[in-house]
Amino acid sequence: MLAAITILTIILPVGYAATTYFYGRAFLRDDEFAHNYKSGFLTITLLFHSISAALRTAEFRHLPFTGFYELMGMLAFTITAAYFFIESATKIKNTGFPILAICTLLVFLDSIFLTHNYGVQDVLKSELLAFHVVAALVGYSAFTLSSVYGFLYVVLYQKLRTKTFDTIYQKLPSLESLEKLAEKGIVVGFIALLFSIIIGFIWLPRAIESFSKADAQFIGAFLTLVVYGVGILIMKFAGLRGKRLAILAISGFVVMCASVIFANTFTGFHNFN
């Protein structure tokens, strides 16, 4: 099984890079081959990533998020899976390039720094930990997708304003569609991250003696939650829409990334290794 994991560790970055390449060619050029087969590459890559996660769980006896880079790999998986669902449900297939480029970077980091963690603390094998981390991954994935759609909204808005009707303009969905996707990403991300924090508050004090509200990971997640929560309130009561909503999605993502860097600079009880 370990040999299969090693092989998949090599295959996955290549698969993500190839999928990103085809989505890029379909987005930036009128490449018929890339347009016809990019979704197939996405499906195969997602399938291989699912198999890799399952094999890691079976071999190491715990879910594959015990380390920072493993979490990056699983974040790439959840973002890709979410985009796959959006593409299938909405039939909007021309926004995958920037999203998959981010996922490719995360998978490369996971593959380069992969460690075989056989012996881990019992707390890392808890089902409640799985709910806690999966909810956080869903939240961060939704925020990432929201920021990409916000960025694409700004790009399309500027092209309409300057009357630049190039290939990118023709490939992008409408401003209304991008706005709705960005808004839904913010709402879903907020709910998922709130759920993750609630589970952490209930379970972690009982599971970990060193639990502290001053933990960097908790502070970073809470700050991200506050930023997006304020944004949702403004959307609901002040009618935040259009370009301003897109800027909120982008700004929130910047805060989220800064909080992750902060959390991994100042380790606390979340540093299980």
C-alpha atoms as a PDB file:
ATOM      1  CA  MET A   1       0.000   0.000   0.000  1.00  0.00           C
ATOM      2  CA  LEU A   2       2.879   2.348   0.791  1.00  0.00           C
ATOM      3  CA  ALA A   3       4.204   1.894  -2.750  1.00  0.00           C
ATOM      4  CA  ALA A   4       0.815   2.871  -4.173  1.00  0.00           C
ATOM      5  CA  ILE A   5       0.762   5.969  -1.947  1.00  0.00           C
ATOM      6  CA  THR A   6       4.227   6.941  -3.183  1.00  0.00           C
ATOM      7  CA  ILE A   7       3.200   6.502  -6.811  1.00  0.00           C
ATOM      8  CA  LEU A   8       0.051   8.575  -6.303  1.00  0.00           C
ATOM      9  CA  THR A   9       2.121  11.240  -4.584  1.00  0.00           C
ATOM     10  CA  ILE A  10       3.986  11.619  -7.881  1.00  0.00           C
ATOM     11  CA  ILE A  11       0.939  11.239 -10.133  1.00  0.00           C
ATOM     12  CA  LEU A  12      -1.302  13.758  -8.332  1.00  0.00           C
ATOM     13  CA  PRO A  13       0.765  16.930  -8.933  1.00  0.00           C
ATOM     14  CA  VAL A  14       1.185  15.909 -12.578  1.00  0.00           C
ATOM     15  CA  GLY A  15      -2.554  15.297 -12.880  1.00  0.00           C
ATOM     16  CA  TYR A  16      -3.414  18.648 -11.336  1.00  0.00           C
ATOM     17  CA  ALA A  17      -0.871  20.448 -13.504  1.00  0.00           C
ATOM     18  CA  ALA A  18      -2.222  18.772 -16.669  1.00  0.00           C
ATOM     19  CA  THR A  19      -5.813  19.583 -15.730  1.00  0.00           C
ATOM     20  CA  THR A  20      -4.889  23.203 -15.034  1.00  0.00           C
ATOM     21  CA  TYR A  21      -3.069  23.361 -18.367  1.00  0.00           C
ATOM     22  CA  PHE A  22      -6.105  22.173 -20.320  1.00  0.00           C
ATOM     23  CA  TYR A  23      -8.432  24.503 -18.450  1.00  0.00           C
ATOM     24  CA  GLY A  24      -5.978  27.326 -19.156  1.00  0.00           C
ATOM     25  CA  ARG A  25      -5.861  26.572 -22.876  1.00  0.00           C
ATOM     26  CA  ALA A  26      -9.643  26.361 -23.027  1.00  0.00           C
ATOM     27  CA  PHE A  27      -9.945  29.673 -21.152  1.00  0.00           C
ATOM     28  CA  LEU A  28      -7.247  31.688 -22.917  1.00  0.00           C
ATOM     29  CA  ARG A  29      -7.494  30.152 -26.390  1.00  0.00           C
ATOM     30  CA  ASP A  30     -10.106  28.530 -28.596  1.00  0.00           C
ATOM     31  CA  ASP A  31      -8.555  25.083 -28.174  1.00  0.00           C
ATOM     32  CA  GLU A  32     -11.198  22.522 -29.123  1.00  0.00           C
ATOM     33  CA  PHE A  33      -9.299  19.534 -27.694  1.00  0.00           C
ATOM     34  CA  ALA A  34      -8.814  21.251 -24.334  1.00  0.00           C
ATOM     35  CA  HIS A  35     -12.430  22.382 -24.284  1.00  0.00           C
ATOM     36  CA  ASN A  36     -13.723  18.861 -24.969  1.00  0.00           C
ATOM     37  CA  TYR A  37     -11.492  16.934 -22.556  1.00  0.00           C
ATOM     38  CA  LYS A  38     -10.732  19.309 -19.674  1.00  0.00           C
ATOM     39  CA  SER A  39     -13.698  18.076 -17.589  1.00  0.00           C
ATOM     40  CA  GLY A  40     -12.572  14.490 -18.137  1.00  0.00           C
ATOM     41  CA  PHE A  41      -9.098  15.333 -16.839  1.00  0.00           C
ATOM     42  CA  LEU A  42     -10.723  17.001 -13.831  1.00  0.00           C
ATOM     43  CA  THR A  43     -12.819  13.906 -13.064  1.00  0.00           C
ATOM     44  CA  ILE A  44      -9.832  11.554 -13.310  1.00  0.00           C
ATOM     45  CA  THR A  45      -7.632  13.798 -11.171  1.00  0.00           C
ATOM     46  CA  LEU A  46     -10.316  14.078  -8.495  1.00  0.00           C
ATOM     47  CA  LEU A  47     -10.768  10.291  -8.545  1.00  0.00           C
ATOM     48  CA  PHE A  48      -7.035   9.690  -8.071  1.00  0.00           C
ATOM     49  CA  HIS A  49      -6.976  12.204  -5.210  1.00  0.00           C
ATOM     50  CA  SER A  50      -9.881  10.374  -3.557  1.00  0.00           C
ATOM     51  CA  ILE A  51      -8.013   7.071  -3.837  1.00  0.00           C
ATOM     52  CA  SER A  52      -4.856   8.666  -2.440  1.00  0.00           C
ATOM     53  CA  ALA A  53      -6.725  10.043   0.594  1.00  0.00           C
ATOM     54  CA  ALA A  54      -8.366   6.671   1.221  1.00  0.00           C
ATOM     55  CA  LEU A  55      -5.049   4.795   1.001  1.00  0.00           C
ATOM     56  CA  ARG A  56      -3.319   7.261   3.327  1.00  0.00           C
ATOM     57  CA  THR A  57      -6.123   6.857   5.861  1.00  0.00           C
ATOM     58  CA  ALA A  58      -5.930   3.054   5.693  1.00  0.00           C
ATOM     59  CA  GLU A  59      -2.119   2.898   5.854  1.00  0.00           C
ATOM     60  CA  PHE A  60      -1.491   5.503   8.572  1.00  0.00           C
ATOM     61  CA  ARG A  61      -4.652   4.731  10.590  1.00  0.00           C
ATOM     62  CA  HIS A  62      -5.838   8.332  10.670  1.00  0.00           C
ATOM     63  CA  LEU A  63      -7.347  10.866   8.296  1.00  0.00           C
ATOM     64  CA  PRO A  64      -4.739  12.688   6.187  1.00  0.00           C
ATOM     65  CA  PHE A  65      -4.656  16.025   7.950  1.00  0.00           C
ATOM     66  CA  THR A  66      -2.231  15.598  10.827  1.00  0.00           C
ATOM     67  CA  GLY A  67       0.298  18.044   9.386  1.00  0.00           C
ATOM     68  CA  PHE A  68       0.243  21.458   7.739  1.00  0.00           C
ATOM     69  CA  TYR A  69       1.115  20.207   4.258  1.00  0.00           C
ATOM     70  CA  GLU A  70      -1.338  17.315   4.483  1.00  0.00           C
ATOM     71  CA  LEU A  71      -3.984  19.913   5.252  1.00  0.00           C
ATOM     72  CA  MET A  72      -2.917  21.854   2.169  1.00  0.00           C
ATOM     73  CA  GLY A  73      -3.410  18.730   0.081  1.00  0.00           C
ATOM     74  CA  MET A  74      -6.845  18.092   1.555  1.00  0.00           C
ATOM     75  CA  LEU A  75      -7.761  21.751   1.045  1.00  0.00           C
ATOM     76  CA  ALA A  76      -6.889  21.328  -2.631  1.00  0.00           C
ATOM     77  CA  PHE A  77      -9.110  18.250  -2.726  1.00  0.00           C
ATOM     78  CA  THR A  78     -12.110  20.017  -1.164  1.00  0.00           C
ATOM     79  CA  ILE A  79     -11.710  23.068  -3.420  1.00  0.00           C
ATOM     80  CA  THR A  80     -11.495  20.832  -6.490  1.00  0.00           C
ATOM     81  CA  ALA A  81     -14.496  18.774  -5.393  1.00  0.00           C
ATOM     82  CA  ALA A  82     -16.515  21.940  -4.749  1.00  0.00           C
ATOM     83  CA  TYR A  83     -15.601  23.339  -8.153  1.00  0.00           C
ATOM     84  CA  PHE A  84     -16.498  20.008  -9.781  1.00  0.00           C
ATOM     85  CA  PHE A  85     -19.941  20.224  -8.159  1.00  0.00           C
ATOM     86  CA  ILE A  86     -20.402  23.863  -9.256  1.00  0.00           C
ATOM     87  CA  GLU A  87     -19.363  23.075 -12.815  1.00  0.00           C
ATOM     88  CA  SER A  88     -21.720  20.096 -12.969  1.00  0.00           C
ATOM     89  CA  ALA A  89     -24.653  21.919 -11.385  1.00  0.00           C
ATOM     90  CA  THR A  90     -24.405  25.280 -13.153  1.00  0.00           C
ATOM     91  CA  LYS A  91     -22.819  24.205 -16.460  1.00  0.00           C
ATOM     92  CA  ILE A  92     -20.412  27.142 -16.050  1.00  0.00           C
ATOM     93  CA  LYS A  93     -17.168  25.568 -17.239  1.00  0.00           C
ATOM     94  CA  ASN A  94     -14.902  28.529 -17.945  1.00  0.00           C
ATOM     95  CA  THR A  95     -13.862  29.557 -14.434  1.00  0.00           C
ATOM     96  CA  GLY A  96     -11.753  26.550 -13.471  1.00  0.00           C
ATOM     97  CA  PHE A  97      -8.330  27.776 -14.589  1.00  0.00           C
ATOM     98  CA  PRO A  98      -7.473  30.125 -11.658  1.00  0.00           C
ATOM     99  CA  ILE A  99      -9.130  27.766  -9.163  1.00  0.00           C
ATOM    100  CA  LEU A 100      -7.188  24.707 -10.305  1.00  0.00           C
ATOM    101  CA  ALA A 101      -3.960  26.712 -10.460  1.00  0.00           C
ATOM    102  CA  ILE A 102      -4.303  27.338  -6.720  1.00  0.00           C
ATOM    103  CA  CYS A 103      -5.060  23.654  -6.100  1.00  0.00           C
ATOM    104  CA  THR A 104      -2.038  22.579  -8.149  1.00  0.00           C
ATOM    105  CA  LEU A 105       0.261  24.669  -5.957  1.00  0.00           C
ATOM    106  CA  LEU A 106      -1.233  23.176  -2.785  1.00  0.00           C
ATOM    107  CA  VAL A 107      -0.891  19.608  -4.078  1.00  0.00           C
ATOM    108  CA  PHE A 108       2.739  20.191  -5.060  1.00  0.00           C
ATOM    109  CA  LEU A 109       3.475  21.395  -1.511  1.00  0.00           C
ATOM    110  CA  ASP A 110       1.758  18.335  -0.048  1.00  0.00           C
ATOM    111  CA  SER A 111       3.697  15.983  -2.337  1.00  0.00           C
ATOM    112  CA  ILE A 112       7.068  17.592  -1.681  1.00  0.00           C
ATOM    113  CA  PHE A 113       6.744  17.673   2.103  1.00  0.00           C
ATOM    114  CA  LEU A 114       4.738  14.475   2.641  1.00  0.00           C
ATOM    115  CA  THR A 115       5.698  12.570   5.791  1.00  0.00           C
ATOM    116  CA  HIS A 116       4.617   9.075   6.846  1.00  0.00           C
ATOM    117  CA  ASN A 117       2.975   9.702  10.224  1.00  0.00           C
ATOM    118  CA  TYR A 118       2.257   6.269  11.655  1.00  0.00           C
ATOM    119  CA  GLY A 119       2.423   7.183  15.316  1.00  0.00           C
ATOM    120  CA  VAL A 120       0.061  10.026  16.155  1.00  0.00           C
ATOM    121  CA  GLN A 121      -1.735  11.103  19.294  1.00  0.00           C
ATOM    122  CA  ASP A 122      -5.112   9.539  20.027  1.00  0.00           C
ATOM    123  CA  VAL A 123      -6.773  12.934  19.673  1.00  0.00           C
ATOM    124  CA  LEU A 124      -5.943  12.844  15.958  1.00  0.00           C
ATOM    125  CA  LYS A 125      -8.018   9.690  15.534  1.00  0.00           C
ATOM    126  CA  SER A 126     -11.214  11.155  16.975  1.00  0.00           C
ATOM    127  CA  GLU A 127     -14.371  11.340  14.876  1.00  0.00           C
ATOM    128  CA  LEU A 128     -15.103  14.775  16.331  1.00  0.00           C
ATOM    129  CA  LEU A 129     -11.730  15.962  15.074  1.00  0.00           C
ATOM    130  CA  ALA A 130     -12.762  14.777  11.621  1.00  0.00           C
ATOM    131  CA  PHE A 131     -15.946  16.874  11.760  1.00  0.00           C
ATOM    132  CA  HIS A 132     -13.989  19.838  13.128  1.00  0.00           C
ATOM    133  CA  VAL A 133     -11.317  19.767  10.414  1.00  0.00           C
ATOM    134  CA  VAL A 134     -13.601  18.836   7.509  1.00  0.00           C
ATOM    135  CA  ALA A 135     -15.929  21.725   8.371  1.00  0.00           C
ATOM    136  CA  ALA A 136     -12.949  24.088   8.454  1.00  0.00           C
ATOM    137  CA  LEU A 137     -11.715  22.784   5.091  1.00  0.00           C
ATOM    138  CA  VAL A 138     -15.160  23.276   3.568  1.00  0.00           C
ATOM    139  CA  GLY A 139     -15.233  26.808   4.947  1.00  0.00           C
ATOM    140  CA  TYR A 140     -11.793  27.736   3.630  1.00  0.00           C
ATOM    141  CA  SER A 141     -12.583  26.110   0.277  1.00  0.00           C
ATOM    142  CA  ALA A 142     -15.785  28.129  -0.074  1.00  0.00           C
ATOM    143  CA  PHE A 143     -13.936  31.340   0.794  1.00  0.00           C
ATOM    144  CA  THR A 144     -11.251  30.527  -1.780  1.00  0.00           C
ATOM    145  CA  LEU A 145     -13.829  29.916  -4.503  1.00  0.00           C
ATOM    146  CA  SER A 146     -15.650  33.090  -3.506  1.00  0.00           C
ATOM    147  CA  SER A 147     -12.458  35.130  -3.863  1.00  0.00           C
ATOM    148  CA  VAL A 148     -11.763  33.692  -7.325  1.00  0.00           C
ATOM    149  CA  TYR A 149     -15.278  34.525  -8.490  1.00  0.00           C
ATOM    150  CA  GLY A 150     -14.902  37.965  -6.946  1.00  0.00           C
ATOM    151  CA  PHE A 151     -11.656  38.469  -8.835  1.00  0.00           C
ATOM    152  CA  LEU A 152     -13.238  37.331 -12.101  1.00  0.00           C
ATOM    153  CA  TYR A 153     -16.125  39.721 -11.435  1.00  0.00           C
ATOM    154  CA  VAL A 154     -13.685  42.628 -11.148  1.00  0.00           C
ATOM    155  CA  VAL A 155     -11.910  41.525 -14.343  1.00  0.00           C
ATOM    156  CA  LEU A 156     -15.165  41.325 -16.292  1.00  0.00           C
ATOM    157  CA  TYR A 157     -16.402  44.603 -14.803  1.00  0.00           C
ATOM    158  CA  GLN A 158     -13.255  46.394 -15.981  1.00  0.00           C
ATOM    159  CA  LYS A 159     -13.534  44.876 -19.463  1.00  0.00           C
ATOM    160  CA  LEU A 160     -17.127  46.038 -19.765  1.00  0.00           C
ATOM    161  CA  ARG A 161     -16.160  49.472 -18.515  1.00  0.00           C
ATOM    162  CA  THR A 162     -13.303  49.795 -21.028  1.00  0.00           C
ATOM    163  CA  LYS A 163     -15.232  47.956 -23.775  1.00  0.00           C
ATOM    164  CA  THR A 164     -12.488  45.340 -24.106  1.00  0.00           C
ATOM    165  CA  PHE A 165     -14.354  42.456 -25.715  1.00  0.00           C
ATOM    166  CA  ASP A 166     -11.485  39.974 -25.986  1.00  0.00           C
ATOM    167  CA  THR A 167     -11.290  36.193 -25.548  1.00  0.00           C
ATOM    168  CA  ILE A 168     -11.401  36.361 -21.754  1.00  0.00           C
ATOM    169  CA  TYR A 169     -14.513  38.529 -21.902  1.00  0.00           C
ATOM    170  CA  GLN A 170     -16.203  36.028 -24.166  1.00  0.00           C
ATOM    171  CA  LYS A 171     -15.299  33.068 -21.933  1.00  0.00           C
ATOM    172  CA  LEU A 172     -16.490  34.504 -18.632  1.00  0.00           C
ATOM    173  CA  PRO A 173     -20.079  34.069 -17.411  1.00  0.00           C
ATOM    174  CA  SER A 174     -22.243  37.112 -16.700  1.00  0.00           C
ATOM    175  CA  LEU A 175     -21.590  39.556 -13.881  1.00  0.00           C
ATOM    176  CA  GLU A 176     -24.794  38.354 -12.242  1.00  0.00           C
ATOM    177  CA  SER A 177     -23.619  34.722 -12.245  1.00  0.00           C
ATOM    178  CA  LEU A 178     -20.201  35.631 -10.819  1.00  0.00           C
ATOM    179  CA  GLU A 179     -21.817  37.765  -8.120  1.00  0.00           C
ATOM    180  CA  LYS A 180     -24.141  34.938  -7.061  1.00  0.00           C
ATOM    181  CA  LEU A 181     -21.272  32.431  -6.918  1.00  0.00           C
ATOM    182  CA  ALA A 182     -19.146  34.815  -4.836  1.00  0.00           C
ATOM    183  CA  GLU A 183     -22.052  35.513  -2.471  1.00  0.00           C
ATOM    184  CA  LYS A 184     -22.893  31.821  -1.999  1.00  0.00           C
ATOM    185  CA  GLY A 185     -19.235  31.064  -1.322  1.00  0.00           C
ATOM    186  CA  ILE A 186     -19.158  33.650   1.456  1.00  0.00           C
ATOM    187  CA  VAL A 187     -22.344  32.339   3.099  1.00  0.00           C
ATOM    188  CA  VAL A 188     -21.395  28.647   2.846  1.00  0.00           C
ATOM    189  CA  GLY A 189     -17.884  29.371   4.088  1.00  0.00           C
ATOM    190  CA  PHE A 190     -19.165  31.332   7.074  1.00  0.00           C
ATOM    191  CA  ILE A 191     -21.594  28.582   8.118  1.00  0.00           C
ATOM    192  CA  ALA A 192     -18.982  25.831   7.749  1.00  0.00           C
ATOM    193  CA  LEU A 193     -16.264  27.733   9.640  1.00  0.00           C
ATOM    194  CA  LEU A 194     -18.729  28.686  12.400  1.00  0.00           C
ATOM    195  CA  PHE A 195     -19.660  24.991  12.721  1.00  0.00           C
ATOM    196  CA  SER A 196     -15.974  24.059  12.950  1.00  0.00           C
ATOM    197  CA  ILE A 197     -15.309  26.625  15.688  1.00  0.00           C
ATOM    198  CA  ILE A 198     -18.370  25.507  17.693  1.00  0.00           C
ATOM    199  CA  ILE A 199     -17.204  21.875  17.579  1.00  0.00           C
ATOM    200  CA  GLY A 200     -13.748  22.996  18.655  1.00  0.00           C
ATOM    201  CA  PHE A 201     -15.115  24.950  21.609  1.00  0.00           C
ATOM    202  CA  ILE A 202     -17.218  22.023  22.797  1.00  0.00           C
ATOM    203  CA  TRP A 203     -14.791  19.167  22.228  1.00  0.00           C
ATOM    204  CA  LEU A 204     -11.207  20.454  22.363  1.00  0.00           C
ATOM    205  CA  PRO A 205     -11.187  21.565  26.047  1.00  0.00           C
ATOM    206  CA  ARG A 206     -12.140  18.003  27.001  1.00  0.00           C
ATOM    207  CA  ALA A 207      -9.699  16.333  24.615  1.00  0.00           C
ATOM    208  CA  ILE A 208      -6.617  18.509  25.064  1.00  0.00           C
ATOM    209  CA  GLU A 209      -5.274  19.660  28.408  1.00  0.00           C
ATOM    210  CA  SER A 210      -3.346  22.531  26.828  1.00  0.00           C
ATOM    211  CA  PHE A 211      -6.458  24.015  25.163  1.00  0.00           C
ATOM    212  CA  SER A 212      -6.381  27.786  25.171  1.00  0.00           C
ATOM    213  CA  LYS A 213      -8.524  30.476  23.575  1.00  0.00           C
ATOM    214  CA  ALA A 214      -5.260  32.317  22.896  1.00  0.00           C
ATOM    215  CA  ASP A 215      -4.171  29.639  20.411  1.00  0.00           C
ATOM    216  CA  ALA A 216      -3.024  31.229  17.147  1.00  0.00           C
ATOM    217  CA  GLN A 217      -5.138  28.907  15.000  1.00  0.00           C
ATOM    218  CA  PHE A 218      -8.280  29.783  16.920  1.00  0.00           C
ATOM    219  CA  ILE A 219      -7.551  33.513  16.801  1.00  0.00           C
ATOM    220  CA  GLY A 220      -6.929  33.371  13.054  1.00  0.00           C
ATOM    221  CA  ALA A 221     -10.113  31.401  12.354  1.00  0.00           C
ATOM    222  CA  PHE A 222     -12.168  33.674  14.589  1.00  0.00           C
ATOM    223  CA  LEU A 223     -10.791  36.798  12.882  1.00  0.00           C
ATOM    224  CA  THR A 224     -11.679  35.331   9.489  1.00  0.00           C
ATOM    225  CA  LEU A 225     -15.177  34.516  10.763  1.00  0.00           C
ATOM    226  CA  VAL A 226     -15.667  38.070  12.036  1.00  0.00           C
ATOM    227  CA  VAL A 227     -14.593  39.641   8.738  1.00  0.00           C
ATOM    228  CA  TYR A 228     -16.962  37.517   6.682  1.00  0.00           C
ATOM    229  CA  GLY A 229     -19.727  37.812   9.287  1.00  0.00           C
ATOM    230  CA  VAL A 230     -19.587  41.607   9.113  1.00  0.00           C
ATOM    231  CA  GLY A 231     -19.628  41.310   5.323  1.00  0.00           C
ATOM    232  CA  ILE A 232     -22.774  39.154   5.418  1.00  0.00           C
ATOM    233  CA  LEU A 233     -24.504  41.670   7.689  1.00  0.00           C
ATOM    234  CA  ILE A 234     -23.614  44.475   5.301  1.00  0.00           C
ATOM    235  CA  MET A 235     -24.911  42.414   2.362  1.00  0.00           C
ATOM    236  CA  LYS A 236     -28.200  41.771   4.145  1.00  0.00           C
ATOM    237  CA  PHE A 237     -28.929  45.166   5.676  1.00  0.00           C
ATOM    238  CA  ALA A 238     -26.985  47.616   3.500  1.00  0.00           C
ATOM    239  CA  GLY A 239     -27.493  45.944   0.124  1.00  0.00           C
ATOM    240  CA  LEU A 240     -23.825  45.225  -0.577  1.00  0.00           C
ATOM    241  CA  ARG A 241     -23.737  44.064  -4.176  1.00  0.00           C
ATOM    242  CA  GLY A 242     -21.740  44.098  -7.376  1.00  0.00           C
ATOM    243  CA  LYS A 243     -18.135  45.223  -7.346  1.00  0.00           C
ATOM    244  CA  ARG A 244     -18.168  45.953  -3.617  1.00  0.00           C
ATOM    245  CA  LEU A 245     -19.263  42.399  -2.853  1.00  0.00           C
ATOM    246  CA  ALA A 246     -16.472  41.119  -5.106  1.00  0.00           C
ATOM    247  CA  ILE A 247     -13.945  43.255  -3.236  1.00  0.00           C
ATOM    248  CA  LEU A 248     -15.273  41.871   0.056  1.00  0.00           C
ATOM    249  CA  ALA A 249     -14.713  38.317  -1.217  1.00  0.00           C
ATOM    250  CA  ILE A 250     -11.138  39.162  -2.228  1.00  0.00           C
ATOM    251  CA  SER A 251     -10.365  41.076   0.974  1.00  0.00           C
ATOM    252  CA  GLY A 252     -11.743  38.275   3.138  1.00  0.00           C
ATOM    253  CA  PHE A 253      -9.522  35.789   1.343  1.00  0.00           C
ATOM    254  CA  VAL A 254      -6.473  37.966   2.038  1.00  0.00           C
ATOM    255  CA  VAL A 255      -7.396  38.048   5.724  1.00  0.00           C
ATOM    256  CA  MET A 256      -7.893  34.281   5.686  1.00  0.00           C
ATOM    257  CA  CYS A 257      -4.444  33.675   4.160  1.00  0.00           C
ATOM    258  CA  ALA A 258      -2.840  36.073   6.639  1.00  0.00           C
ATOM    259  CA  SER A 259      -4.548  34.263   9.526  1.00  0.00           C
ATOM    260  CA  VAL A 260      -3.258  30.893   8.291  1.00  0.00           C
ATOM    261  CA  ILE A 261       0.300  32.251   8.088  1.00  0.00           C
ATOM    262  CA  PHE A 262      -0.106  33.770  11.551  1.00  0.00           C
ATOM    263  CA  ALA A 263      -1.455  30.516  12.975  1.00  0.00           C
ATOM    264  CA  ASN A 264       1.448  28.475  11.643  1.00  0.00           C
ATOM    265  CA  THR A 265       4.019  30.999  12.827  1.00  0.00           C
ATOM    266  CA  PHE A 266       2.886  30.922  16.446  1.00  0.00           C
ATOM    267  CA  THR A 267       2.194  27.310  17.317  1.00  0.00           C
ATOM    268  CA  GLY A 268      -0.172  26.290  20.098  1.00  0.00           C
ATOM    269  CA  PHE A 269      -2.114  23.151  20.984  1.00  0.00           C
ATOM    270  CA  HIS A 270      -2.942  22.738  17.288  1.00  0.00           C
ATOM    271  CA  ASN A 271       0.687  21.709  16.698  1.00  0.00           C
ATOM    272  CA  PHE A 272       0.035  18.013  17.262  1.00  0.00           C
ATOM    273  CA  ASN A 273       3.242  16.802  15.666  1.00  0.00           C
END
